[in-house]
Structure formats: C-alpha cells, structure tokens
Amino acid sequence: MFLLGVSVGVVLFLLWMAKDCGFRVEEGCAAVVLRFGAALQNPDRSLRLFGPGIHFKWSFDEVKIVSLREQLVTLGGQHGAEPMMLADGTVIRLQSMLRYAPQRDGIAKYLFGLVHRKEHVAGLFSSLLRNEIANVKSPPHTTDITTIEEDVGGSFGLVRRDRQLLNQRIGDFAKSELGDRYGVHFEAVDITDIH
C-alpha cells in the first residue's frame, strides 16, 4: 500500500511538473529562455532564440517573449500632445507617433539592456524631437516683395510647412546613430499634428 501511494505521488508530481515544461511562441515573435537568471546560449556563445512553435523547457526555466512586429508609441504623455519651444521662442504642442521594431540580432540589447523598453525609447525620441524642433530656424526677413510670403509665420510656419523634411532628418539620425545601441530598427517618427 505504501509503494502504491509513493508511486501515485510521483506520477502526480511528474504530471504537475510536465504542465510547465512547454511554451508556445507566436508568429512574429522570438523567445529567450532564462535558466537561473542567465539566458541560454548557443555553442558559439550567441543568444539562443526560439522561433514560432511549441518548445520544451524545464519547469524552473523562465521564458521571455519579444514581439518582432512594428511597435507604435504615442509621444507626448497621457494627452498625446507635447509642448516644445521653437528657436524664436514660440511654444507649440506636437502630436507624434514613433514606429520601431526590435531586431532579431539585437534582442539581447533590447531585452536585457533596457528595463522599461517602451518608456525609454519614447523618452529618447521625445528628446531627439525636441532638439530637432528647437533647431528649426526661420530665414531672415527680407524686404523683397517676391519672398515676403515665404517668410510669414517664422519657425512655426517652417515646422508646419517642412514636416516631412523634419520627419526625414529625425529618421536618418535615428537609423545611423541609435539602431545598433538599442537593438531596434527605427521606422519613423511621424508628426501627426501641430498646435
């Protein structure tokens, strides 16, 4: 009777452990398995990534799943409009959206290098956007009647008129300087509205 009780207990324990021995990765995602706090690595010391499907893990392993799809973050806090100052002292409220996607090659930087990933990336781009907006300068005013229409509006008029150029400058800087540092591919910062 004792042997039967022990064997039933062992079987129940193994069944209980087996329910935590598998994990599923969705399409468009990658997973990293942590064993006692350290990420599993391949023989060449690179991070071991698990693609879409069902995979085995031990019950004490922890799984971190990262979506490789494009992420969309609204810059500007809870109201979606962020106050910024132009070079001539005009204060504007800007609504913008950040689009980025984690890179498969940079998952280690993205997952372990940043604690609050979305907040960090949003704050970084908010600072970059403020810098670019502050550096927009209106051309010097001229008394030539043919160019006076282009001078009206100052820095505010320039930002509204050259929105696409501003988006491109921010995107170029992000792709060249920041992509390798954070393990993400920056798609674009879209300025959606200016008040």
N, C-alpha and C. Protein backbone atom coordinates (compact mmCIF):
# COMPACT_ATOMS: atom_id res chain seq x y z
N MET A 1 0.82 -1.18 0.00
CA MET A 1 0.00 0.00 0.00
C MET A 1 0.88 1.27 0.00
N PHE A 2 1.95 1.21 0.78
CA PHE A 2 2.86 2.36 0.85
C PHE A 2 3.50 2.61 -0.51
N LEU A 3 3.92 1.53 -1.19
CA LEU A 3 4.55 1.65 -2.50
C LEU A 3 3.58 2.23 -3.53
N LEU A 4 2.33 1.87 -3.46
CA LEU A 4 1.31 2.40 -4.36
C LEU A 4 1.12 3.91 -4.11
N GLY A 5 1.08 4.32 -2.87
CA GLY A 5 0.92 5.74 -2.53
C GLY A 5 2.10 6.56 -3.02
N VAL A 6 3.32 6.03 -2.85
CA VAL A 6 4.51 6.75 -3.31
C VAL A 6 4.51 6.85 -4.84
N SER A 7 4.16 5.78 -5.52
CA SER A 7 4.16 5.80 -6.99
C SER A 7 3.08 6.75 -7.52
N VAL A 8 1.91 6.77 -6.88
CA VAL A 8 0.86 7.71 -7.29
C VAL A 8 1.34 9.15 -7.04
N GLY A 9 2.00 9.40 -5.93
CA GLY A 9 2.53 10.72 -5.63
C GLY A 9 3.58 11.16 -6.65
N VAL A 10 4.46 10.24 -7.03
CA VAL A 10 5.50 10.56 -8.03
C VAL A 10 4.86 10.87 -9.37
N VAL A 11 3.86 10.07 -9.77
CA VAL A 11 3.19 10.29 -11.05
C VAL A 11 2.48 11.65 -11.04
N LEU A 12 1.78 11.97 -9.95
CA LEU A 12 1.10 13.27 -9.86
C LEU A 12 2.10 14.42 -9.88
N PHE A 13 3.23 14.24 -9.20
CA PHE A 13 4.26 15.28 -9.21
C PHE A 13 4.83 15.48 -10.61
N LEU A 14 5.07 14.39 -11.34
CA LEU A 14 5.60 14.48 -12.70
C LEU A 14 4.59 15.14 -13.64
N LEU A 15 3.30 14.82 -13.47
CA LEU A 15 2.27 15.47 -14.28
C LEU A 15 2.18 16.96 -13.97
N TRP A 16 2.30 17.30 -12.70
CA TRP A 16 2.27 18.71 -12.31
C TRP A 16 3.47 19.46 -12.89
N MET A 17 4.64 18.81 -12.88
CA MET A 17 5.84 19.42 -13.46
C MET A 17 5.74 19.52 -14.98
N ALA A 18 5.10 18.53 -15.63
CA ALA A 18 5.02 18.50 -17.09
C ALA A 18 4.18 19.64 -17.64
N LYS A 19 3.23 20.13 -16.86
CA LYS A 19 2.39 21.22 -17.37
C LYS A 19 3.19 22.50 -17.57
N ASP A 20 4.32 22.65 -16.90
CA ASP A 20 5.17 23.83 -17.04
C ASP A 20 6.40 23.58 -17.90
N CYS A 21 6.43 22.46 -18.62
CA CYS A 21 7.62 22.12 -19.38
C CYS A 21 7.54 22.47 -20.86
N GLY A 22 6.56 23.22 -21.23
CA GLY A 22 6.45 23.61 -22.63
C GLY A 22 6.05 25.07 -22.72
N PHE A 23 6.37 25.69 -23.84
CA PHE A 23 5.94 27.06 -24.09
C PHE A 23 5.71 27.24 -25.58
N ARG A 24 4.88 28.20 -25.88
CA ARG A 24 4.48 28.45 -27.26
C ARG A 24 4.92 29.86 -27.66
N VAL A 25 5.48 29.96 -28.86
CA VAL A 25 5.90 31.25 -29.40
C VAL A 25 5.03 31.54 -30.62
N GLU A 26 4.39 32.70 -30.62
CA GLU A 26 3.52 33.12 -31.72
C GLU A 26 4.34 33.52 -32.94
N GLU A 27 3.69 33.56 -34.08
CA GLU A 27 4.31 34.05 -35.31
C GLU A 27 4.66 35.52 -35.14
N GLY A 28 5.82 35.93 -35.61
CA GLY A 28 6.26 37.32 -35.48
C GLY A 28 6.92 37.61 -34.15
N CYS A 29 7.23 36.59 -33.37
CA CYS A 29 7.87 36.75 -32.06
C CYS A 29 9.09 35.85 -31.98
N ALA A 30 9.91 36.12 -31.00
CA ALA A 30 11.05 35.27 -30.67
C ALA A 30 11.09 35.15 -29.15
N ALA A 31 11.62 34.03 -28.67
CA ALA A 31 11.67 33.80 -27.23
C ALA A 31 13.09 33.51 -26.79
N VAL A 32 13.37 33.89 -25.55
CA VAL A 32 14.65 33.62 -24.91
C VAL A 32 14.33 32.90 -23.61
N VAL A 33 15.07 31.81 -23.34
CA VAL A 33 14.86 31.04 -22.11
C VAL A 33 15.95 31.41 -21.11
N LEU A 34 15.51 31.75 -19.90
CA LEU A 34 16.43 32.07 -18.82
C LEU A 34 16.47 30.91 -17.84
N ARG A 35 17.66 30.44 -17.55
CA ARG A 35 17.84 29.36 -16.58
C ARG A 35 18.65 29.92 -15.41
N PHE A 36 18.00 30.01 -14.26
CA PHE A 36 18.60 30.59 -13.06
C PHE A 36 19.11 32.01 -13.32
N GLY A 37 18.36 32.76 -14.13
CA GLY A 37 18.68 34.16 -14.39
C GLY A 37 19.60 34.41 -15.57
N ALA A 38 20.20 33.36 -16.14
CA ALA A 38 21.10 33.53 -17.29
C ALA A 38 20.42 33.01 -18.55
N ALA A 39 20.55 33.76 -19.64
CA ALA A 39 19.95 33.36 -20.91
C ALA A 39 20.72 32.18 -21.50
N LEU A 40 19.98 31.23 -22.07
CA LEU A 40 20.62 30.10 -22.74
C LEU A 40 21.35 30.58 -23.98
N GLN A 41 22.51 29.98 -24.23
CA GLN A 41 23.34 30.39 -25.36
C GLN A 41 23.62 29.21 -26.26
N ASN A 42 23.93 29.52 -27.51
CA ASN A 42 24.36 28.51 -28.48
C ASN A 42 25.82 28.17 -28.21
N PRO A 43 26.34 27.10 -28.82
CA PRO A 43 27.76 26.76 -28.62
C PRO A 43 28.73 27.87 -29.02
N ASP A 44 28.32 28.75 -29.95
CA ASP A 44 29.20 29.86 -30.37
C ASP A 44 29.02 31.09 -29.48
N ARG A 45 28.40 30.95 -28.33
CA ARG A 45 28.21 31.99 -27.30
C ARG A 45 27.21 33.08 -27.72
N SER A 46 26.45 32.83 -28.79
CA SER A 46 25.40 33.79 -29.16
C SER A 46 24.11 33.42 -28.42
N LEU A 47 23.22 34.37 -28.31
CA LEU A 47 21.97 34.16 -27.61
C LEU A 47 21.12 33.14 -28.35
N ARG A 48 20.60 32.17 -27.62
CA ARG A 48 19.76 31.13 -28.23
C ARG A 48 18.32 31.64 -28.32
N LEU A 49 17.83 31.78 -29.55
CA LEU A 49 16.48 32.27 -29.80
C LEU A 49 15.58 31.13 -30.24
N PHE A 50 14.35 31.16 -29.76
CA PHE A 50 13.36 30.17 -30.14
C PHE A 50 12.33 30.86 -31.03
N GLY A 51 12.12 30.31 -32.23
CA GLY A 51 11.18 30.88 -33.18
C GLY A 51 9.76 30.42 -32.92
N PRO A 52 8.85 30.72 -33.84
CA PRO A 52 7.45 30.34 -33.66
C PRO A 52 7.29 28.82 -33.55
N GLY A 53 6.39 28.41 -32.67
CA GLY A 53 6.11 26.98 -32.47
C GLY A 53 6.03 26.64 -30.99
N ILE A 54 5.99 25.35 -30.71
CA ILE A 54 5.94 24.85 -29.33
C ILE A 54 7.31 24.28 -29.00
N HIS A 55 7.84 24.65 -27.84
CA HIS A 55 9.19 24.27 -27.45
C HIS A 55 9.19 23.70 -26.04
N PHE A 56 10.23 22.92 -25.74
CA PHE A 56 10.40 22.32 -24.42
C PHE A 56 11.30 23.20 -23.55
N LYS A 57 10.97 23.25 -22.27
CA LYS A 57 11.81 23.89 -21.27
C LYS A 57 11.61 23.14 -19.97
N TRP A 58 12.53 23.30 -19.06
CA TRP A 58 12.35 22.73 -17.74
C TRP A 58 11.40 23.61 -16.94
N SER A 59 10.76 23.04 -15.97
CA SER A 59 9.74 23.79 -15.23
C SER A 59 10.32 24.98 -14.47
N PHE A 60 11.59 24.95 -14.14
CA PHE A 60 12.21 26.07 -13.41
C PHE A 60 12.77 27.14 -14.34
N ASP A 61 12.70 26.93 -15.66
CA ASP A 61 13.16 27.93 -16.62
C ASP A 61 12.12 29.03 -16.76
N GLU A 62 12.60 30.23 -17.07
CA GLU A 62 11.71 31.37 -17.32
C GLU A 62 11.81 31.74 -18.79
N VAL A 63 10.69 32.08 -19.40
CA VAL A 63 10.65 32.41 -20.83
C VAL A 63 10.30 33.88 -21.00
N LYS A 64 11.08 34.58 -21.82
CA LYS A 64 10.79 35.97 -22.18
C LYS A 64 10.52 36.00 -23.67
N ILE A 65 9.32 36.47 -24.02
CA ILE A 65 8.91 36.53 -25.43
C ILE A 65 8.95 37.99 -25.88
N VAL A 66 9.57 38.22 -27.04
CA VAL A 66 9.70 39.56 -27.60
C VAL A 66 8.99 39.58 -28.95
N SER A 67 8.10 40.55 -29.11
CA SER A 67 7.43 40.73 -30.40
C SER A 67 8.37 41.44 -31.35
N LEU A 68 8.57 40.86 -32.52
CA LEU A 68 9.43 41.47 -33.54
C LEU A 68 8.63 42.33 -34.51
N ARG A 69 7.35 42.47 -34.24
CA ARG A 69 6.48 43.29 -35.08
C ARG A 69 6.73 44.77 -34.82
N GLU A 70 6.26 45.59 -35.72
CA GLU A 70 6.41 47.03 -35.57
C GLU A 70 5.62 47.50 -34.35
N GLN A 71 6.27 48.29 -33.50
CA GLN A 71 5.64 48.84 -32.30
C GLN A 71 5.26 50.29 -32.59
N LEU A 72 4.15 50.71 -32.03
CA LEU A 72 3.67 52.07 -32.20
C LEU A 72 3.53 52.72 -30.84
N VAL A 73 4.25 53.82 -30.62
CA VAL A 73 4.23 54.52 -29.35
C VAL A 73 3.83 55.98 -29.60
N THR A 74 2.87 56.46 -28.83
CA THR A 74 2.48 57.86 -28.92
C THR A 74 3.42 58.68 -28.05
N LEU A 75 4.07 59.65 -28.65
CA LEU A 75 4.97 60.53 -27.91
C LEU A 75 4.17 61.70 -27.36
N GLY A 76 4.39 62.04 -26.13
CA GLY A 76 3.73 63.20 -25.58
C GLY A 76 2.92 62.94 -24.33
N GLY A 77 3.07 61.79 -23.73
CA GLY A 77 2.40 61.55 -22.45
C GLY A 77 0.95 61.17 -22.61
N GLN A 78 0.18 61.41 -21.54
CA GLN A 78 -1.18 60.92 -21.48
C GLN A 78 -2.12 61.67 -22.42
N HIS A 79 -1.83 62.92 -22.74
CA HIS A 79 -2.72 63.69 -23.61
C HIS A 79 -2.32 63.58 -25.08
N GLY A 80 -1.17 63.02 -25.37
CA GLY A 80 -0.73 62.84 -26.74
C GLY A 80 -0.17 64.08 -27.41
N ALA A 81 -0.14 65.21 -26.74
CA ALA A 81 0.42 66.43 -27.30
C ALA A 81 1.49 66.94 -26.34
N GLU A 82 2.67 67.18 -26.87
CA GLU A 82 3.82 67.54 -26.04
C GLU A 82 4.23 68.99 -26.33
N PRO A 83 4.36 69.82 -25.30
CA PRO A 83 4.79 71.20 -25.55
C PRO A 83 6.28 71.26 -25.88
N MET A 84 6.62 72.05 -26.91
CA MET A 84 8.00 72.23 -27.33
C MET A 84 8.22 73.68 -27.70
N MET A 85 9.45 74.16 -27.53
CA MET A 85 9.76 75.56 -27.84
C MET A 85 10.60 75.62 -29.11
N LEU A 86 10.20 76.50 -30.00
CA LEU A 86 10.93 76.72 -31.24
C LEU A 86 12.07 77.71 -31.01
N ALA A 87 12.92 77.87 -32.01
CA ALA A 87 14.11 78.73 -31.88
C ALA A 87 13.74 80.19 -31.63
N ASP A 88 12.58 80.64 -32.13
CA ASP A 88 12.20 82.04 -31.92
C ASP A 88 11.36 82.23 -30.66
N GLY A 89 11.24 81.20 -29.80
CA GLY A 89 10.52 81.31 -28.54
C GLY A 89 9.06 80.92 -28.60
N THR A 90 8.56 80.55 -29.75
CA THR A 90 7.17 80.11 -29.89
C THR A 90 7.01 78.73 -29.26
N VAL A 91 5.98 78.58 -28.43
CA VAL A 91 5.70 77.28 -27.81
C VAL A 91 4.59 76.61 -28.62
N ILE A 92 4.85 75.38 -29.05
CA ILE A 92 3.86 74.62 -29.80
C ILE A 92 3.55 73.33 -29.05
N ARG A 93 2.42 72.73 -29.38
CA ARG A 93 2.07 71.40 -28.86
C ARG A 93 2.09 70.46 -30.05
N LEU A 94 2.83 69.39 -29.89
CA LEU A 94 3.09 68.48 -31.00
C LEU A 94 2.52 67.11 -30.71
N GLN A 95 1.78 66.54 -31.64
CA GLN A 95 1.33 65.16 -31.55
C GLN A 95 2.17 64.35 -32.52
N SER A 96 2.78 63.29 -32.02
CA SER A 96 3.62 62.47 -32.89
C SER A 96 3.55 61.02 -32.48
N MET A 97 3.87 60.16 -33.44
CA MET A 97 3.87 58.71 -33.24
C MET A 97 5.25 58.18 -33.62
N LEU A 98 5.73 57.26 -32.82
CA LEU A 98 7.01 56.61 -33.08
C LEU A 98 6.75 55.18 -33.53
N ARG A 99 7.39 54.80 -34.62
CA ARG A 99 7.27 53.43 -35.12
C ARG A 99 8.65 52.79 -35.12
N TYR A 100 8.77 51.64 -34.44
CA TYR A 100 10.04 50.91 -34.40
C TYR A 100 9.76 49.42 -34.26
N ALA A 101 10.76 48.62 -34.54
CA ALA A 101 10.63 47.17 -34.42
C ALA A 101 11.93 46.61 -33.83
N PRO A 102 11.84 45.74 -32.82
CA PRO A 102 13.05 45.09 -32.30
C PRO A 102 13.70 44.23 -33.39
N GLN A 103 15.02 44.23 -33.42
CA GLN A 103 15.75 43.43 -34.40
C GLN A 103 16.08 42.07 -33.81
N ARG A 104 16.03 41.05 -34.63
CA ARG A 104 16.37 39.70 -34.17
C ARG A 104 17.81 39.65 -33.68
N ASP A 105 18.72 40.36 -34.38
CA ASP A 105 20.14 40.36 -33.98
C ASP A 105 20.37 41.12 -32.68
N GLY A 106 19.49 42.08 -32.36
CA GLY A 106 19.70 42.92 -31.20
C GLY A 106 18.80 42.62 -30.02
N ILE A 107 18.23 41.42 -29.98
CA ILE A 107 17.30 41.09 -28.90
C ILE A 107 17.98 41.15 -27.53
N ALA A 108 19.23 40.77 -27.45
CA ALA A 108 19.93 40.82 -26.16
C ALA A 108 20.01 42.25 -25.65
N LYS A 109 20.34 43.20 -26.53
CA LYS A 109 20.40 44.61 -26.11
C LYS A 109 19.03 45.13 -25.75
N TYR A 110 18.03 44.77 -26.55
CA TYR A 110 16.67 45.26 -26.32
C TYR A 110 16.07 44.65 -25.06
N LEU A 111 16.29 43.38 -24.85
CA LEU A 111 15.65 42.68 -23.73
C LEU A 111 16.38 42.90 -22.41
N PHE A 112 17.70 42.88 -22.43
CA PHE A 112 18.46 42.97 -21.18
C PHE A 112 19.12 44.33 -20.96
N GLY A 113 19.24 45.14 -22.00
CA GLY A 113 19.87 46.45 -21.85
C GLY A 113 18.91 47.54 -21.41
N LEU A 114 17.62 47.32 -21.60
CA LEU A 114 16.62 48.32 -21.25
C LEU A 114 15.62 47.71 -20.28
N VAL A 115 15.40 48.37 -19.16
CA VAL A 115 14.45 47.85 -18.17
C VAL A 115 13.02 48.18 -18.59
N HIS A 116 12.76 49.45 -18.85
CA HIS A 116 11.44 49.91 -19.29
C HIS A 116 11.58 50.28 -20.77
N ARG A 117 11.43 49.29 -21.64
CA ARG A 117 11.77 49.46 -23.04
C ARG A 117 10.96 50.56 -23.74
N LYS A 118 9.65 50.48 -23.71
CA LYS A 118 8.83 51.45 -24.43
C LYS A 118 9.02 52.86 -23.89
N GLU A 119 9.08 53.00 -22.56
CA GLU A 119 9.25 54.32 -21.97
C GLU A 119 10.61 54.91 -22.34
N HIS A 120 11.64 54.05 -22.35
CA HIS A 120 12.99 54.53 -22.68
C HIS A 120 13.06 55.00 -24.12
N VAL A 121 12.55 54.18 -25.04
CA VAL A 121 12.60 54.54 -26.45
C VAL A 121 11.76 55.79 -26.71
N ALA A 122 10.58 55.89 -26.08
CA ALA A 122 9.73 57.07 -26.25
C ALA A 122 10.41 58.32 -25.70
N GLY A 123 11.05 58.22 -24.54
CA GLY A 123 11.76 59.36 -23.97
C GLY A 123 12.94 59.79 -24.81
N LEU A 124 13.66 58.81 -25.35
CA LEU A 124 14.80 59.10 -26.21
C LEU A 124 14.36 59.88 -27.45
N PHE A 125 13.29 59.42 -28.08
CA PHE A 125 12.84 60.09 -29.28
C PHE A 125 12.15 61.41 -28.98
N SER A 126 11.54 61.52 -27.84
CA SER A 126 10.97 62.80 -27.44
C SER A 126 12.08 63.84 -27.32
N SER A 127 13.21 63.45 -26.71
CA SER A 127 14.35 64.37 -26.60
C SER A 127 14.93 64.72 -27.97
N LEU A 128 15.04 63.72 -28.83
CA LEU A 128 15.55 63.95 -30.18
C LEU A 128 14.62 64.88 -30.96
N LEU A 129 13.32 64.68 -30.81
CA LEU A 129 12.35 65.52 -31.48
C LEU A 129 12.40 66.96 -30.97
N ARG A 130 12.55 67.13 -29.66
CA ARG A 130 12.67 68.47 -29.08
C ARG A 130 13.91 69.19 -29.64
N ASN A 131 15.01 68.46 -29.75
CA ASN A 131 16.24 69.04 -30.27
C ASN A 131 16.07 69.48 -31.72
N GLU A 132 15.46 68.64 -32.53
CA GLU A 132 15.27 68.99 -33.95
C GLU A 132 14.31 70.17 -34.09
N ILE A 133 13.25 70.18 -33.29
CA ILE A 133 12.28 71.29 -33.34
C ILE A 133 12.96 72.59 -32.91
N ALA A 134 13.77 72.53 -31.87
CA ALA A 134 14.45 73.73 -31.37
C ALA A 134 15.45 74.28 -32.38
N ASN A 135 15.97 73.43 -33.25
CA ASN A 135 16.97 73.88 -34.23
C ASN A 135 16.36 74.37 -35.54
N VAL A 136 15.03 74.32 -35.65
CA VAL A 136 14.38 74.86 -36.85
C VAL A 136 14.39 76.37 -36.73
N LYS A 137 15.01 77.02 -37.69
CA LYS A 137 15.10 78.48 -37.66
C LYS A 137 14.45 79.05 -38.90
N SER A 138 13.75 80.14 -38.71
CA SER A 138 13.13 80.80 -39.86
C SER A 138 14.21 81.59 -40.60
N PRO A 139 14.03 81.73 -41.90
CA PRO A 139 15.02 82.51 -42.65
C PRO A 139 14.94 83.98 -42.25
N PRO A 140 16.03 84.71 -42.42
CA PRO A 140 16.00 86.14 -42.07
C PRO A 140 14.96 86.86 -42.92
N HIS A 141 14.26 87.80 -42.30
CA HIS A 141 13.22 88.55 -43.01
C HIS A 141 13.86 89.47 -44.04
N THR A 142 13.26 89.48 -45.20
CA THR A 142 13.76 90.34 -46.26
C THR A 142 12.65 91.32 -46.64
N THR A 143 13.05 92.36 -47.29
CA THR A 143 12.05 93.35 -47.74
C THR A 143 11.67 93.13 -49.19
N ASP A 144 12.21 92.07 -49.80
CA ASP A 144 11.87 91.77 -51.19
C ASP A 144 10.43 91.28 -51.24
N ILE A 145 9.61 91.91 -52.04
CA ILE A 145 8.18 91.60 -52.10
C ILE A 145 7.92 90.20 -52.65
N THR A 146 8.83 89.62 -53.44
CA THR A 146 8.60 88.29 -54.02
C THR A 146 8.78 87.18 -53.00
N THR A 147 9.61 87.38 -51.96
CA THR A 147 9.86 86.33 -50.97
C THR A 147 9.17 86.58 -49.65
N ILE A 148 8.42 87.67 -49.55
CA ILE A 148 7.84 88.00 -48.25
C ILE A 148 6.77 86.99 -47.82
N GLU A 149 6.08 86.36 -48.80
CA GLU A 149 5.07 85.37 -48.45
C GLU A 149 5.70 84.14 -47.80
N GLU A 150 6.91 83.76 -48.20
CA GLU A 150 7.58 82.60 -47.62
C GLU A 150 8.09 82.88 -46.22
N ASP A 151 8.35 84.13 -45.88
CA ASP A 151 8.88 84.48 -44.57
C ASP A 151 7.80 84.56 -43.49
N VAL A 152 6.56 84.69 -43.88
CA VAL A 152 5.48 84.85 -42.90
C VAL A 152 5.30 83.57 -42.11
N GLY A 153 5.21 83.70 -40.80
CA GLY A 153 4.96 82.54 -39.95
C GLY A 153 6.14 82.16 -39.09
N GLY A 154 7.34 82.60 -39.40
CA GLY A 154 8.51 82.29 -38.58
C GLY A 154 8.79 80.80 -38.49
N SER A 155 9.30 80.38 -37.32
CA SER A 155 9.65 78.97 -37.10
C SER A 155 8.42 78.08 -37.14
N PHE A 156 7.31 78.58 -36.61
CA PHE A 156 6.08 77.79 -36.61
C PHE A 156 5.64 77.45 -38.04
N GLY A 157 5.71 78.45 -38.91
CA GLY A 157 5.36 78.22 -40.31
C GLY A 157 6.31 77.23 -40.97
N LEU A 158 7.60 77.32 -40.63
CA LEU A 158 8.57 76.37 -41.19
C LEU A 158 8.30 74.95 -40.74
N VAL A 159 7.99 74.76 -39.45
CA VAL A 159 7.72 73.41 -38.95
C VAL A 159 6.48 72.84 -39.63
N ARG A 160 5.44 73.64 -39.77
CA ARG A 160 4.22 73.16 -40.43
C ARG A 160 4.47 72.86 -41.90
N ARG A 161 5.25 73.69 -42.55
CA ARG A 161 5.49 73.54 -43.98
C ARG A 161 6.45 72.39 -44.28
N ASP A 162 7.49 72.25 -43.45
CA ASP A 162 8.54 71.25 -43.72
C ASP A 162 8.43 70.04 -42.79
N ARG A 163 7.22 69.62 -42.50
CA ARG A 163 7.00 68.48 -41.61
C ARG A 163 7.66 67.21 -42.13
N GLN A 164 7.56 66.96 -43.42
CA GLN A 164 8.15 65.76 -44.00
C GLN A 164 9.68 65.79 -43.91
N LEU A 165 10.28 66.94 -44.14
CA LEU A 165 11.73 67.07 -44.02
C LEU A 165 12.18 66.84 -42.59
N LEU A 166 11.43 67.35 -41.63
CA LEU A 166 11.74 67.14 -40.22
C LEU A 166 11.67 65.66 -39.86
N ASN A 167 10.61 64.97 -40.33
CA ASN A 167 10.49 63.52 -40.10
C ASN A 167 11.68 62.78 -40.69
N GLN A 168 12.10 63.17 -41.89
CA GLN A 168 13.22 62.51 -42.55
C GLN A 168 14.52 62.73 -41.79
N ARG A 169 14.78 63.97 -41.32
CA ARG A 169 16.01 64.25 -40.56
C ARG A 169 16.08 63.44 -39.28
N ILE A 170 14.95 63.35 -38.58
CA ILE A 170 14.91 62.56 -37.34
C ILE A 170 15.13 61.09 -37.65
N GLY A 171 14.48 60.59 -38.70
CA GLY A 171 14.63 59.19 -39.08
C GLY A 171 16.05 58.83 -39.49
N ASP A 172 16.69 59.72 -40.27
CA ASP A 172 18.07 59.47 -40.70
C ASP A 172 19.02 59.42 -39.51
N PHE A 173 18.85 60.36 -38.57
CA PHE A 173 19.71 60.37 -37.39
C PHE A 173 19.50 59.10 -36.56
N ALA A 174 18.25 58.69 -36.41
CA ALA A 174 17.95 57.51 -35.61
C ALA A 174 18.52 56.25 -36.23
N LYS A 175 18.38 56.11 -37.54
CA LYS A 175 18.89 54.90 -38.20
C LYS A 175 20.40 54.83 -38.14
N SER A 176 21.07 55.97 -38.29
CA SER A 176 22.54 55.94 -38.33
C SER A 176 23.17 55.86 -36.94
N GLU A 177 22.57 56.49 -35.95
CA GLU A 177 23.21 56.61 -34.65
C GLU A 177 22.68 55.67 -33.57
N LEU A 178 21.40 55.34 -33.61
CA LEU A 178 20.79 54.69 -32.46
C LEU A 178 20.37 53.24 -32.66
N GLY A 179 20.31 52.76 -33.89
CA GLY A 179 19.84 51.40 -34.15
C GLY A 179 20.67 50.33 -33.48
N ASP A 180 22.00 50.42 -33.58
CA ASP A 180 22.87 49.40 -33.00
C ASP A 180 22.93 49.47 -31.48
N ARG A 181 22.69 50.64 -30.92
CA ARG A 181 22.84 50.82 -29.49
C ARG A 181 21.70 50.18 -28.68
N TYR A 182 20.49 50.14 -29.25
CA TYR A 182 19.33 49.68 -28.50
C TYR A 182 18.72 48.39 -29.04
N GLY A 183 19.23 47.87 -30.14
CA GLY A 183 18.72 46.61 -30.67
C GLY A 183 17.37 46.73 -31.35
N VAL A 184 17.06 47.92 -31.85
CA VAL A 184 15.79 48.12 -32.54
C VAL A 184 16.05 48.80 -33.88
N HIS A 185 15.11 48.59 -34.79
CA HIS A 185 15.15 49.27 -36.08
C HIS A 185 14.09 50.37 -36.03
N PHE A 186 14.51 51.61 -36.14
CA PHE A 186 13.59 52.73 -36.05
C PHE A 186 12.97 52.97 -37.42
N GLU A 187 11.67 52.82 -37.50
CA GLU A 187 10.97 53.01 -38.77
C GLU A 187 10.78 54.49 -39.06
N ALA A 188 10.13 55.22 -38.15
CA ALA A 188 9.88 56.65 -38.39
C ALA A 188 9.31 57.29 -37.15
N VAL A 189 9.44 58.62 -37.08
CA VAL A 189 8.70 59.43 -36.15
C VAL A 189 7.78 60.27 -37.00
N ASP A 190 6.49 60.06 -36.87
CA ASP A 190 5.51 60.77 -37.68
C ASP A 190 4.90 61.89 -36.87
N ILE A 191 5.09 63.13 -37.32
CA ILE A 191 4.43 64.27 -36.69
C ILE A 191 3.02 64.33 -37.26
N THR A 192 2.03 64.04 -36.42
CA THR A 192 0.66 63.96 -36.92
C THR A 192 -0.09 65.28 -36.84
N ASP A 193 0.21 66.12 -35.85
CA ASP A 193 -0.49 67.38 -35.74
C ASP A 193 0.35 68.38 -34.94
N ILE A 194 0.22 69.65 -35.30
CA ILE A 194 0.94 70.73 -34.61
C ILE A 194 -0.07 71.78 -34.21
N HIS A 195 -0.07 72.16 -32.94
CA HIS A 195 -0.98 73.21 -32.44
C HIS A 195 -0.15 74.40 -31.98
